[in-house]
Amino acid sequence: MKRSILFGKYLVAIVFAATIFQTGCKPEKGMHDAVPVVNTTNLTTYEYLKSKTGVYDSLLMLVNKFAGMKQILTDSTVTLFAPSNSSFQIAVQTLNDLRKSRGQGPVYLSQLAAGTTGVVGSKNIEKAKRDSAALDTLVSMYIIRNEYRASDFAIGDGQTVNSVRGGFPMHGQRIFADAEGFQNGGVEAIEYSDTKRSLFVAKWSKTQTTSVNIKTKNGIVHLLKPDHTFGFDEYVARMTLVPPPPVAWNLSTDLLFPYWPTASQYYDGQVSAGETFKKALDGSVLTKFISNVNAGSNYYPSLYWIPAHPAVANAYTMTTANDSKLYRDRDPRAFKIEATLDPNPWVLLTNPLFNDKYGPNPNAVWVQLDVRQDQDWTTNYQQKRFDFTNNVAYTGYRLVILQVGTGSSSQTLFQISEWTMNLRSN
């Protein structure tokens, strides 16, 4: 009798444990929202996209448009982060909403992908070329050389990878989606980011995958969320870009130099030997020119352009540096453009310790062509173009900094990544 009771207790315990085990192993409803895919296919990456009719048509249209792109997805070892049709629809709608607010008609992806076909007028043709090149760049951001599975992005804070064309820096980091009742307990995913060439993660534009590690004949495919905007946040900016007119100077023949008031004893490279005035002329926003200023004493730099022969300029640009959003007090707030007709607008300095070896001729007469005040810069790498009226061929030009940052007397540094003097045709 005791044995029977004891056996019954054991039986109940076993059944109870089995019930718990079965319940614990059962997938929770609503655990994750992932697209079910076959993880291995005998198709190439390009063929895989084609097999998903109605899902990747926009991406395929651009891949087929740009020379060599189809070949890359067919016979090169690559990793593709695939944006679906909805990603393109969001980007196109955002662009057309902006165009509508400006009184402009809509423009669609097929028109942009067509390039110069059917386009008339030199300005329209140039814009069509720029738009086509921009699309090529944006598509390339989703294609990475070599194979990268989700686990390859699990090292530390992930890793930076470069786009297949142009070497644009992108970043991948493995994450886990939240499951019902469990933080980071869901499916494996990748957070894919456009780094915008910035070291500051807060400035990156990010998206996530819905499915990962789809193995094709020639690489890996990761599927992006349908709410991702194609081009991250660069599509509208690139499609509405109006580039500045051609640069007016010739760096191989003209003389360009910075100059500070002698009493300041400031000189080029004083703040950072690797961030000199030449960095503002190198055509790269990844480098910058930084200098000391003394707002209380009105010690600011002036940037000089002395053309080999008298030249006309009627526009100029400045571009903020890589960390201007963090250090907005260093941005140019007020400045002016001046010019001279003096036949000898520059001199060799007898004391080259300060201001390098060139300086302005103290006897030259300078006239003001343009002045700007209360300029507000909002982000890194921000370029502003300033037009002014001029048809005179001057022997010298200078950009004179009047204030930086907030304009307060406590400001001590000035920086820009690029400066140009330009000549527009109309």
Protein backbone atom coordinates (compact mmCIF):
# COMPACT_ATOMS: atom_id res chain seq x y z
CA MET A 1 0.00 0.00 0.00
CA LYS A 2 2.82 2.37 0.89
CA ARG A 3 4.65 1.36 -2.30
CA SER A 4 1.52 2.15 -4.39
CA ILE A 5 1.14 5.60 -2.80
CA LEU A 6 4.84 6.33 -3.27
CA PHE A 7 4.72 5.23 -6.91
CA GLY A 8 1.70 7.48 -7.49
CA LYS A 9 3.57 10.48 -6.09
CA TYR A 10 6.54 9.78 -8.38
CA LEU A 11 4.23 9.46 -11.37
CA VAL A 12 2.56 12.81 -10.63
CA ALA A 13 5.98 14.49 -10.25
CA ILE A 14 7.22 13.09 -13.57
CA VAL A 15 4.08 14.19 -15.42
CA PHE A 16 4.29 17.66 -13.84
CA ALA A 17 7.98 18.06 -14.82
CA ALA A 18 7.26 16.92 -18.38
CA THR A 19 4.43 19.44 -18.62
CA ILE A 20 6.71 22.26 -17.48
CA PHE A 21 9.45 21.20 -19.91
CA GLN A 22 7.00 21.03 -22.84
CA THR A 23 5.49 24.39 -21.97
CA GLY A 24 8.90 26.00 -21.57
CA CYS A 25 10.09 24.76 -24.94
CA LYS A 26 7.03 25.96 -26.84
CA PRO A 27 7.69 29.15 -28.88
CA GLU A 28 5.83 32.13 -27.51
CA LYS A 29 3.20 33.68 -29.70
CA GLY A 30 4.25 36.98 -31.16
CA MET A 31 7.88 36.36 -30.27
CA HIS A 32 9.18 38.08 -33.36
CA ASP A 33 8.11 39.53 -36.67
CA ALA A 34 10.58 38.13 -39.17
CA VAL A 35 10.26 37.26 -42.83
CA PRO A 36 10.59 33.49 -43.27
CA VAL A 37 13.30 32.77 -45.86
CA VAL A 38 15.36 29.84 -47.03
CA ASN A 39 18.85 30.37 -45.62
CA THR A 40 20.61 28.77 -48.57
CA THR A 41 19.86 29.09 -52.28
CA ASN A 42 21.54 27.83 -55.44
CA LEU A 43 20.90 31.21 -57.10
CA THR A 44 23.36 34.07 -57.48
CA THR A 45 22.63 37.21 -55.48
CA TYR A 46 21.25 38.90 -58.60
CA GLU A 47 19.06 35.87 -59.41
CA TYR A 48 17.83 35.78 -55.82
CA LEU A 49 16.55 39.35 -56.13
CA LYS A 50 14.83 38.50 -59.41
CA SER A 51 13.15 35.48 -57.84
CA LYS A 52 11.35 37.75 -55.35
CA THR A 53 8.88 39.24 -57.81
CA GLY A 54 7.27 42.45 -56.58
CA VAL A 55 9.69 42.85 -53.68
CA TYR A 56 12.99 44.14 -55.11
CA ASP A 57 11.94 45.58 -58.49
CA SER A 58 13.19 49.10 -57.69
CA LEU A 59 16.58 47.84 -56.57
CA LEU A 60 16.86 45.65 -59.67
CA MET A 61 15.98 48.58 -61.95
CA LEU A 62 18.92 50.57 -60.58
CA VAL A 63 21.25 47.56 -60.58
CA ASN A 64 20.45 46.99 -64.25
CA LYS A 65 20.93 50.69 -65.02
CA PHE A 66 24.44 51.22 -63.67
CA ALA A 67 27.38 49.71 -65.52
CA GLY A 68 28.94 46.72 -63.81
CA MET A 69 26.43 46.54 -60.95
CA LYS A 70 24.64 43.45 -62.26
CA GLN A 71 27.98 41.76 -62.84
CA ILE A 72 29.04 42.48 -59.26
CA LEU A 73 25.90 40.79 -57.91
CA THR A 74 26.41 37.85 -60.25
CA ASP A 75 30.04 36.80 -60.07
CA SER A 76 31.72 38.79 -57.27
CA THR A 77 31.82 37.74 -53.63
CA VAL A 78 29.65 40.36 -51.94
CA THR A 79 27.31 40.98 -49.05
CA LEU A 80 24.05 42.74 -49.91
CA PHE A 81 21.83 44.59 -47.47
CA ALA A 82 18.68 44.51 -49.60
CA PRO A 83 16.18 47.41 -49.46
CA SER A 84 12.71 46.43 -50.68
CA ASN A 85 10.32 48.39 -52.90
CA SER A 86 8.76 50.07 -49.87
CA SER A 87 12.13 51.62 -48.96
CA PHE A 88 12.23 53.32 -52.36
CA GLN A 89 8.59 54.39 -52.12
CA ILE A 90 9.28 56.17 -48.81
CA ALA A 91 12.29 58.00 -50.30
CA VAL A 92 10.45 59.05 -53.46
CA GLN A 93 7.39 60.24 -51.52
CA THR A 94 9.57 62.29 -49.16
CA LEU A 95 11.31 63.96 -52.10
CA ASN A 96 8.04 64.74 -53.88
CA ASP A 97 6.48 66.15 -50.73
CA LEU A 98 9.39 68.60 -50.57
CA ARG A 99 9.10 69.42 -54.28
CA LYS A 100 5.37 70.03 -53.89
CA SER A 101 6.02 72.49 -51.05
CA ARG A 102 8.28 74.39 -53.46
CA GLY A 103 5.70 74.41 -56.25
CA GLN A 104 7.59 71.78 -58.27
CA GLY A 105 6.17 68.71 -59.99
CA PRO A 106 6.88 65.14 -58.86
CA VAL A 107 9.89 63.17 -60.04
CA TYR A 108 10.05 59.39 -59.91
CA LEU A 109 12.79 56.81 -59.67
CA SER A 110 12.44 55.66 -63.27
CA GLN A 111 13.05 59.24 -64.48
CA LEU A 112 16.14 59.62 -62.32
CA ALA A 113 17.45 56.21 -63.37
CA ALA A 114 17.03 57.13 -67.05
CA GLY A 115 19.85 59.64 -66.73
CA THR A 116 20.10 62.05 -69.65
CA THR A 117 17.74 60.08 -71.90
CA GLY A 118 15.14 62.49 -73.27
CA VAL A 119 16.55 65.42 -71.26
CA VAL A 120 17.10 68.73 -73.08
CA GLY A 121 18.95 71.87 -72.04
CA SER A 122 22.51 72.01 -70.71
CA LYS A 123 21.48 72.68 -67.09
CA ASN A 124 18.92 69.87 -67.09
CA ILE A 125 21.45 67.49 -68.62
CA GLU A 126 24.04 68.34 -65.98
CA LYS A 127 21.49 67.79 -63.21
CA ALA A 128 20.43 64.46 -64.73
CA LYS A 129 24.07 63.36 -64.72
CA ARG A 130 24.46 64.36 -61.07
CA ASP A 131 21.26 62.58 -60.07
CA SER A 132 22.31 59.41 -61.88
CA ALA A 133 25.75 59.46 -60.24
CA ALA A 134 24.10 60.04 -56.84
CA LEU A 135 21.84 57.01 -57.31
CA ASP A 136 24.85 54.90 -58.27
CA THR A 137 26.56 55.96 -55.03
CA LEU A 138 23.48 55.29 -52.89
CA VAL A 139 22.94 51.81 -54.34
CA SER A 140 26.61 51.01 -53.73
CA MET A 141 26.14 51.75 -50.02
CA TYR A 142 24.16 48.51 -49.72
CA ILE A 143 26.74 46.28 -51.42
CA ILE A 144 29.90 45.28 -49.50
CA ARG A 145 32.90 43.33 -50.78
CA ASN A 146 33.36 39.83 -49.29
CA GLU A 147 30.95 37.76 -47.21
CA TYR A 148 29.73 39.04 -43.85
CA ARG A 149 27.37 36.97 -41.74
CA ALA A 150 25.62 38.39 -38.70
CA SER A 151 28.23 36.78 -36.44
CA ASP A 152 30.97 38.80 -38.18
CA PHE A 153 29.39 41.96 -36.75
CA ALA A 154 29.34 40.58 -33.21
CA ILE A 155 32.87 41.69 -32.35
CA GLY A 156 32.83 44.48 -29.79
CA ASP A 157 30.67 47.32 -31.08
CA GLY A 158 30.50 45.82 -34.57
CA GLN A 159 32.76 46.70 -37.43
CA THR A 160 33.12 49.22 -40.24
CA VAL A 161 32.90 47.94 -43.82
CA ASN A 162 33.30 49.76 -47.12
CA SER A 163 30.87 50.00 -50.02
CA VAL A 164 31.66 48.16 -53.23
CA ARG A 165 32.16 51.38 -55.18
CA GLY A 166 33.65 54.52 -53.71
CA GLY A 167 34.68 52.81 -50.48
CA PHE A 168 31.95 54.60 -48.52
CA PRO A 169 32.28 53.65 -44.81
CA MET A 170 29.28 51.73 -43.47
CA HIS A 171 28.91 49.93 -40.13
CA GLY A 172 27.30 46.69 -39.03
CA GLN A 173 26.53 45.50 -35.51
CA ARG A 174 24.78 42.30 -34.48
CA ILE A 175 21.83 42.77 -32.17
CA PHE A 176 18.96 40.63 -30.94
CA ALA A 177 15.36 41.74 -31.23
CA ASP A 178 13.19 41.71 -28.14
CA ALA A 179 10.98 38.68 -27.72
CA GLU A 180 7.73 38.67 -25.76
CA GLY A 181 8.80 38.95 -22.13
CA PHE A 182 12.53 38.84 -22.89
CA GLN A 183 14.73 41.79 -23.71
CA ASN A 184 17.22 40.89 -26.48
CA GLY A 185 15.85 37.37 -26.43
CA GLY A 186 14.46 37.31 -29.97
CA VAL A 187 15.85 36.72 -33.42
CA GLU A 188 19.34 37.66 -34.54
CA ALA A 189 19.50 40.90 -36.51
CA ILE A 190 22.02 43.44 -37.83
CA GLU A 191 21.92 47.18 -37.24
CA TYR A 192 23.29 48.63 -40.49
CA SER A 193 24.45 52.25 -40.46
CA ASP A 194 25.51 55.03 -42.77
CA THR A 195 28.36 56.52 -40.74
CA LYS A 196 28.49 59.78 -42.75
CA ARG A 197 32.24 59.56 -42.24
CA SER A 198 31.74 60.54 -38.60
CA LEU A 199 33.27 58.93 -35.53
CA PHE A 200 30.25 59.99 -33.48
CA VAL A 201 27.64 57.23 -33.43
CA ALA A 202 24.89 59.72 -32.58
CA LYS A 203 25.30 61.24 -36.04
CA TRP A 204 24.90 57.93 -37.91
CA SER A 205 21.75 57.03 -39.81
CA LYS A 206 20.66 53.49 -38.95
CA THR A 207 18.33 50.71 -40.03
CA GLN A 208 17.83 47.05 -39.11
CA THR A 209 17.37 43.73 -40.85
CA THR A 210 14.33 41.47 -40.76
CA SER A 211 16.21 38.36 -41.91
CA VAL A 212 19.92 37.59 -42.12
CA ASN A 213 22.47 35.12 -43.48
CA ILE A 214 20.81 34.11 -46.75
CA LYS A 215 23.60 32.27 -48.56
CA THR A 216 23.67 32.65 -52.34
CA LYS A 217 26.12 31.24 -54.87
CA ASN A 218 28.35 34.28 -54.61
CA GLY A 219 27.68 35.87 -51.27
CA ILE A 220 25.36 36.72 -48.41
CA VAL A 221 22.05 38.64 -48.43
CA HIS A 222 20.52 40.40 -45.43
CA LEU A 223 16.99 41.78 -45.81
CA LEU A 224 16.28 45.28 -44.49
CA LYS A 225 13.13 46.39 -42.71
CA PRO A 226 10.38 47.67 -45.03
CA ASP A 227 10.23 50.99 -43.15
CA HIS A 228 13.84 51.78 -44.07
CA THR A 229 14.23 54.84 -46.31
CA PHE A 230 16.43 54.14 -49.33
CA GLY A 231 19.62 56.16 -49.14
CA PHE A 232 19.20 56.52 -45.37
CA ASP A 233 18.74 60.30 -45.01
CA GLU A 234 20.88 61.21 -48.03
CA TYR A 235 18.42 60.57 -50.87
CA VAL A 236 16.52 63.87 -50.69
CA ALA A 237 19.68 65.87 -49.98
CA ARG A 238 21.45 64.46 -53.02
CA MET A 239 18.44 64.84 -55.32
CA THR A 240 17.99 68.51 -54.37
CA LEU A 241 21.68 69.45 -54.31
CA VAL A 242 22.59 72.59 -56.23
CA PRO A 243 26.39 72.53 -56.49
CA PRO A 244 28.41 75.74 -56.32
CA PRO A 245 29.80 77.26 -59.52
CA PRO A 246 33.34 76.37 -60.62
CA VAL A 247 36.22 77.33 -58.33
CA ALA A 248 37.87 80.50 -59.62
CA TRP A 249 41.44 79.92 -58.49
CA ASN A 250 44.27 77.76 -59.79
CA LEU A 251 46.16 76.19 -56.91
CA SER A 252 49.24 75.51 -59.05
CA THR A 253 49.75 79.15 -60.09
CA ASP A 254 47.93 81.36 -57.57
CA LEU A 255 49.04 82.39 -54.10
CA LEU A 256 46.86 81.55 -51.10
CA PHE A 257 47.77 82.16 -47.48
CA PRO A 258 46.26 83.06 -44.06
CA TYR A 259 47.17 86.15 -42.06
CA TRP A 260 46.54 87.24 -38.47
CA PRO A 261 47.12 90.66 -36.87
CA THR A 262 50.84 90.81 -36.01
CA ALA A 263 50.12 91.66 -32.37
CA SER A 264 48.30 88.34 -31.91
CA GLN A 265 51.47 86.33 -32.64
CA TYR A 266 49.20 83.62 -34.08
CA TYR A 267 50.48 81.49 -36.95
CA ASP A 268 49.34 78.66 -39.21
CA GLY A 269 49.44 75.24 -37.52
CA GLN A 270 49.71 76.70 -34.02
CA VAL A 271 46.66 74.79 -32.76
CA SER A 272 47.36 71.58 -34.70
CA ALA A 273 50.30 70.93 -37.02
CA GLY A 274 48.14 68.63 -39.14
CA GLU A 275 45.21 71.04 -39.51
CA THR A 276 46.72 73.96 -41.41
CA PHE A 277 45.30 76.41 -43.93
CA LYS A 278 46.15 74.05 -46.81
CA LYS A 279 43.54 71.62 -45.44
CA ALA A 280 40.84 74.19 -46.29
CA LEU A 281 41.92 73.99 -49.94
CA ASP A 282 42.35 70.23 -50.42
CA GLY A 283 38.81 69.45 -51.59
CA SER A 284 38.12 67.08 -48.69
CA VAL A 285 35.66 67.76 -45.88
CA LEU A 286 37.43 65.08 -43.83
CA THR A 287 40.28 67.51 -43.14
CA LYS A 288 40.05 70.99 -41.63
CA PHE A 289 41.82 74.28 -40.92
CA ILE A 290 41.76 75.35 -37.28
CA SER A 291 43.32 78.44 -35.74
CA ASN A 292 43.45 80.52 -32.59
CA VAL A 293 41.31 83.63 -32.31
CA ASN A 294 40.94 86.27 -29.61
CA ALA A 295 37.46 87.73 -29.75
CA GLY A 296 38.20 90.28 -27.04
CA SER A 297 41.13 91.76 -28.99
CA ASN A 298 39.54 91.22 -32.42
CA TYR A 299 42.32 88.85 -33.48
CA TYR A 300 40.81 86.79 -36.32
CA PRO A 301 42.41 85.31 -39.43
CA SER A 302 41.98 86.66 -42.96
CA LEU A 303 42.30 84.19 -45.85
CA TYR A 304 43.96 85.59 -48.97
CA TRP A 305 43.75 84.63 -52.64
CA ILE A 306 46.21 86.39 -54.96
CA PRO A 307 45.57 85.18 -58.55
CA ALA A 308 48.52 84.94 -60.94
CA HIS A 309 46.53 87.21 -63.23
CA PRO A 310 43.60 89.52 -62.34
CA ALA A 311 40.47 87.37 -61.99
CA VAL A 312 36.72 87.75 -61.50
CA ALA A 313 34.89 86.05 -58.60
CA ASN A 314 31.24 86.50 -57.65
CA ALA A 315 30.56 83.69 -55.16
CA TYR A 316 32.26 81.82 -52.34
CA THR A 317 31.61 78.79 -50.14
CA MET A 318 32.53 77.63 -46.68
CA THR A 319 32.01 74.17 -45.22
CA THR A 320 31.87 73.25 -41.54
CA ALA A 321 34.29 70.74 -40.05
CA ASN A 322 33.93 67.13 -38.91
CA ASP A 323 32.96 68.08 -35.36
CA SER A 324 31.30 71.47 -35.83
CA LYS A 325 28.00 70.28 -34.41
CA LEU A 326 29.83 69.47 -31.19
CA TYR A 327 31.88 72.70 -31.23
CA ARG A 328 29.51 75.26 -32.72
CA ASP A 329 31.45 78.04 -31.02
CA ARG A 330 34.21 77.53 -33.63
CA ASP A 331 32.01 78.14 -36.69
CA PRO A 332 32.24 81.42 -38.63
CA ARG A 333 29.41 83.69 -37.50
CA ALA A 334 30.21 86.98 -39.28
CA PHE A 335 32.61 87.58 -42.19
CA LYS A 336 33.18 89.64 -45.32
CA ILE A 337 34.80 89.42 -48.75
CA GLU A 338 37.13 92.23 -49.81
CA ALA A 339 39.16 92.80 -52.97
CA THR A 340 41.91 95.04 -54.26
CA LEU A 341 43.19 96.39 -57.59
CA ASP A 342 46.68 97.05 -56.24
CA PRO A 343 49.30 95.69 -58.67
CA ASN A 344 51.26 94.22 -55.72
CA PRO A 345 48.71 93.14 -53.09
CA TRP A 346 51.11 90.94 -51.10
CA VAL A 347 54.61 91.11 -49.59
CA LEU A 348 57.22 88.73 -48.23
CA LEU A 349 57.42 89.02 -44.46
CA THR A 350 60.75 89.75 -42.82
CA ASN A 351 59.79 87.73 -39.76
CA PRO A 352 58.27 84.45 -41.01
CA LEU A 353 57.79 83.04 -37.50
CA PHE A 354 54.23 84.30 -37.50
CA ASN A 355 51.77 84.24 -40.45
CA ASP A 356 54.07 82.01 -42.51
CA LYS A 357 56.14 84.04 -45.02
CA TYR A 358 53.42 85.93 -46.93
CA GLY A 359 51.34 88.90 -45.87
CA PRO A 360 49.14 91.64 -47.35
CA ASN A 361 50.71 94.79 -48.72
CA PRO A 362 49.97 97.39 -46.00
CA ASN A 363 49.62 100.08 -48.68
CA ALA A 364 46.96 98.24 -50.73
CA VAL A 365 43.42 99.58 -50.72
CA TRP A 366 40.69 96.98 -50.18
CA VAL A 367 37.00 97.37 -51.03
CA GLN A 368 34.15 95.38 -49.55
CA LEU A 369 32.23 93.11 -51.96
CA ASP A 370 30.06 91.15 -49.53
CA VAL A 371 29.36 90.90 -45.80
CA ARG A 372 27.38 88.32 -43.78
CA GLN A 373 26.28 88.37 -40.15
CA ASP A 374 24.52 86.04 -37.68
CA GLN A 375 25.25 82.93 -39.71
CA ASP A 376 23.96 79.77 -38.07
CA TRP A 377 25.53 76.40 -38.89
CA THR A 378 23.58 73.34 -37.79
CA THR A 379 25.63 70.26 -38.58
CA ASN A 380 28.98 68.82 -39.66
CA TYR A 381 30.15 69.10 -43.29
CA GLN A 382 27.52 71.77 -43.97
CA GLN A 383 28.35 73.82 -47.04
CA LYS A 384 26.97 77.32 -47.55
CA ARG A 385 27.21 79.25 -50.78
CA PHE A 386 27.22 83.04 -50.85
CA ASP A 387 26.65 85.00 -54.08
CA PHE A 388 27.52 88.65 -54.64
CA THR A 389 27.58 91.02 -57.60
CA ASN A 390 30.94 91.56 -59.28
CA ASN A 391 32.35 91.72 -62.83
CA VAL A 392 35.71 93.32 -62.01
CA ALA A 393 38.94 91.35 -62.38
CA TYR A 394 40.70 92.08 -59.10
CA THR A 395 44.34 91.37 -58.29
CA GLY A 396 43.54 90.04 -54.83
CA TYR A 397 40.66 88.78 -52.67
CA ARG A 398 40.39 88.04 -48.97
CA LEU A 399 37.86 86.42 -46.65
CA VAL A 400 37.94 88.34 -43.36
CA ILE A 401 36.54 86.57 -40.28
CA LEU A 402 34.72 89.01 -37.99
CA GLN A 403 33.12 86.72 -35.39
CA VAL A 404 32.92 83.03 -34.52
CA GLY A 405 30.44 80.93 -32.58
CA THR A 406 28.08 83.02 -30.52
CA GLY A 407 30.12 86.16 -31.06
CA SER A 408 31.02 86.39 -27.36
CA SER A 409 34.43 87.54 -26.16
CA SER A 410 35.21 84.09 -24.74
CA GLN A 411 35.61 82.41 -28.13
CA THR A 412 39.15 81.14 -28.74
CA LEU A 413 39.09 78.91 -31.86
CA PHE A 414 37.95 79.12 -35.48
CA GLN A 415 37.62 76.20 -37.92
CA ILE A 416 36.34 75.28 -41.37
CA SER A 417 36.92 72.21 -43.54
CA GLU A 418 36.76 73.97 -46.93
CA TRP A 419 36.82 77.47 -48.46
CA THR A 420 36.44 78.34 -52.16
CA MET A 421 36.11 81.47 -54.27
CA ASN A 422 33.88 80.83 -57.28
CA LEU A 423 32.79 82.24 -60.61
CA ARG A 424 29.20 81.65 -61.73
CA SER A 425 28.26 82.18 -65.35
CA ASN A 426 24.96 84.00 -64.74
